[in-house]
Amino acid sequence: MKRMIDDYIVRFYNPEAARTKKLLANDAALAKEIVAWKEKVAAAWDGIKVFDIRHSGEISNAVTGQPVRLEAIIDTNGLGRDLHLELVIHRVEDGVEHFVATQQFKVVKEEGNVLTYELETKTKDPGVFRYGYRLYPYNPNLPHRQDFAYTRWI
């Protein structure tokens, strides 16, 4: 029982106490900054537009080890680099989908509010896979993405 309590203190309570101290410093400046950022994202979220998704080759028919280049052009509606994009990969086995991995896109071009995201990857395993594109707001001051659960599937 003591080991479990010590584990909770080290893994959860101490980091959360340190985070609370950081959030409340300077008249809660960081907490206010996070709230303002969340309000900005919430106000702009519905105005995000996906202009194009491009693939070099057909990702669903790619040969194992063959490079695949993916590109997405998105009007971020003023959110700019606060939006991250990732490829979500599921494997289909016996008719059941299993999560495999995510891969982050990189911003390669920025023209005002329009960002071009790119991902160069290779298929690693043979089999049947499903792919999705997930767009989400990112703030390094949030400890987890679940702290602001806006997500858009493309």
Protein backbone atom coordinates (compact mmCIF):
# COMPACT_ATOMS: atom_id res chain seq x y z
CA MET A 1 0.00 0.00 0.00
CA LYS A 2 2.83 2.41 0.87
CA ARG A 3 4.51 1.78 -2.49
CA MET A 4 1.28 2.67 -4.30
CA ILE A 5 0.86 5.89 -2.31
CA ASP A 6 4.51 6.84 -2.91
CA ASP A 7 4.05 6.13 -6.61
CA TYR A 8 0.98 8.42 -6.77
CA ILE A 9 2.86 11.18 -4.92
CA VAL A 10 5.85 11.00 -7.26
CA ARG A 11 3.98 10.49 -10.54
CA PHE A 12 0.88 12.64 -10.00
CA TYR A 13 0.67 14.83 -6.89
CA ASN A 14 4.15 16.39 -6.99
CA PRO A 15 3.99 17.28 -10.73
CA GLU A 16 0.48 18.71 -10.31
CA ALA A 17 1.58 20.78 -7.31
CA ALA A 18 4.49 22.17 -9.35
CA ARG A 19 2.13 22.94 -12.25
CA THR A 20 -0.32 24.70 -9.93
CA LYS A 21 2.51 26.83 -8.54
CA LYS A 22 3.59 27.74 -12.09
CA LEU A 23 0.00 28.58 -13.13
CA LEU A 24 -0.56 30.86 -10.12
CA ALA A 25 2.76 32.73 -10.33
CA ASN A 26 2.69 36.44 -11.25
CA ASP A 27 -0.99 36.90 -10.46
CA ALA A 28 -1.91 33.75 -12.46
CA ALA A 29 -0.37 35.13 -15.67
CA LEU A 30 0.10 31.71 -17.28
CA ALA A 31 -3.42 30.59 -16.36
CA LYS A 32 -4.83 33.78 -17.93
CA GLU A 33 -2.70 33.24 -21.05
CA ILE A 34 -4.03 29.68 -21.42
CA VAL A 35 -7.63 30.83 -21.01
CA ALA A 36 -7.14 33.55 -23.65
CA TRP A 37 -5.60 31.00 -26.03
CA LYS A 38 -8.51 28.57 -25.51
CA GLU A 39 -11.02 31.35 -26.20
CA LYS A 40 -9.14 32.30 -29.38
CA VAL A 41 -9.13 28.69 -30.61
CA ALA A 42 -12.81 28.17 -29.76
CA ALA A 43 -13.79 31.35 -31.63
CA ALA A 44 -11.78 30.40 -34.75
CA TRP A 45 -12.41 26.65 -34.80
CA ASP A 46 -15.48 26.54 -37.05
CA GLY A 47 -13.78 28.79 -39.61
CA ILE A 48 -10.90 26.39 -40.35
CA LYS A 49 -11.01 25.21 -43.97
CA VAL A 50 -9.21 22.29 -45.57
CA PHE A 51 -8.31 23.30 -49.12
CA ASP A 52 -6.56 20.15 -50.31
CA ILE A 53 -5.11 16.79 -49.32
CA ARG A 54 -2.57 15.28 -51.72
CA HIS A 55 -0.66 11.99 -51.83
CA SER A 56 2.29 10.95 -53.91
CA GLY A 57 1.04 7.57 -55.00
CA GLU A 58 -1.83 5.73 -53.40
CA ILE A 59 -1.24 5.31 -49.68
CA SER A 60 -3.73 2.46 -49.38
CA ASN A 61 -1.93 0.44 -52.10
CA ALA A 62 1.65 1.33 -51.20
CA VAL A 63 4.28 -1.37 -51.34
CA THR A 64 6.01 -2.10 -48.02
CA GLY A 65 9.08 0.12 -47.65
CA GLN A 66 7.99 2.43 -50.47
CA PRO A 67 8.08 6.16 -49.59
CA VAL A 68 4.80 8.05 -49.47
CA ARG A 69 4.50 11.85 -49.37
CA LEU A 70 1.36 13.44 -47.96
CA GLU A 71 0.46 17.11 -48.11
CA ALA A 72 -2.42 19.11 -46.64
CA ILE A 73 -3.24 22.75 -47.33
CA ILE A 74 -5.33 24.32 -44.57
CA ASP A 75 -6.69 27.79 -43.86
CA THR A 76 -6.10 27.98 -40.12
CA ASN A 77 -8.46 30.96 -39.67
CA GLY A 78 -5.83 32.87 -37.71
CA LEU A 79 -4.61 29.97 -35.56
CA GLY A 80 -1.45 29.40 -37.58
CA ARG A 81 1.07 27.06 -35.99
CA ASP A 82 -1.23 26.47 -33.02
CA LEU A 83 -2.80 23.78 -35.22
CA HIS A 84 -1.05 20.45 -35.56
CA LEU A 85 -1.90 17.71 -38.03
CA GLU A 86 -1.20 14.01 -37.68
CA LEU A 87 -1.74 10.83 -39.64
CA VAL A 88 -3.57 8.20 -37.59
CA ILE A 89 -2.97 4.60 -38.62
CA HIS A 90 -5.18 1.60 -37.81
CA ARG A 91 -4.53 -1.97 -38.89
CA VAL A 92 -7.45 -4.15 -39.90
CA GLU A 93 -7.14 -7.78 -38.79
CA ASP A 94 -10.00 -10.25 -38.99
CA GLY A 95 -12.40 -7.38 -39.62
CA VAL A 96 -11.34 -5.54 -36.43
CA GLU A 97 -9.43 -2.26 -36.38
CA HIS A 98 -6.47 -1.83 -34.02
CA PHE A 99 -4.65 1.44 -33.41
CA VAL A 100 -1.07 1.28 -34.72
CA ALA A 101 0.51 4.74 -34.50
CA THR A 102 0.36 8.43 -35.28
CA GLN A 103 2.82 10.42 -37.36
CA GLN A 104 3.16 14.19 -37.15
CA PHE A 105 3.03 16.43 -40.19
CA LYS A 106 5.44 19.38 -40.40
CA VAL A 107 4.58 22.87 -41.55
CA VAL A 108 6.57 23.46 -44.74
CA LYS A 109 4.94 26.64 -46.03
CA GLU A 110 3.03 29.52 -44.50
CA GLU A 111 1.15 32.15 -46.52
CA GLY A 112 -0.89 34.31 -44.15
CA ASN A 113 -3.45 32.02 -42.53
CA VAL A 114 -2.85 29.21 -45.03
CA LEU A 115 -0.39 26.54 -43.92
CA THR A 116 0.95 23.65 -45.95
CA TYR A 117 1.62 20.55 -43.89
CA GLU A 118 3.78 17.71 -45.17
CA LEU A 119 4.62 14.18 -44.06
CA GLU A 120 7.09 11.89 -45.74
CA THR A 121 6.84 8.34 -44.49
CA LYS A 122 7.24 4.73 -45.57
CA THR A 123 4.87 1.85 -45.17
CA LYS A 124 6.53 -0.52 -42.72
CA ASP A 125 4.31 -3.57 -42.54
CA PRO A 126 2.20 -5.50 -45.02
CA GLY A 127 -1.53 -5.81 -44.43
CA VAL A 128 -4.73 -3.83 -44.56
CA PHE A 129 -4.60 -0.40 -42.92
CA ARG A 130 -6.94 2.55 -42.51
CA TYR A 131 -5.63 6.09 -42.38
CA GLY A 132 -7.14 9.27 -41.00
CA TYR A 133 -5.97 12.86 -40.69
CA ARG A 134 -6.48 14.48 -37.30
CA LEU A 135 -6.21 18.24 -36.83
CA TYR A 136 -5.95 19.56 -33.28
CA PRO A 137 -4.94 22.71 -31.40
CA TYR A 138 -1.56 22.58 -29.68
CA ASN A 139 -0.26 24.63 -26.78
CA PRO A 140 2.99 23.65 -25.03
CA ASN A 141 1.58 24.96 -21.73
CA LEU A 142 -1.07 22.24 -21.60
CA PRO A 143 0.07 19.00 -19.96
CA HIS A 144 -2.21 16.84 -22.12
CA ARG A 145 -4.22 17.23 -25.30
CA GLN A 146 -7.28 16.16 -23.32
CA ASP A 147 -7.08 19.46 -21.45
CA PHE A 148 -8.63 21.05 -24.53
CA ALA A 149 -10.36 18.37 -26.53
CA TYR A 150 -10.97 20.06 -29.88
CA THR A 151 -10.31 17.68 -32.77
CA ARG A 152 -11.24 17.69 -36.42
CA TRP A 153 -11.02 14.55 -38.55
CA ILE A 154 -10.26 15.22 -42.19
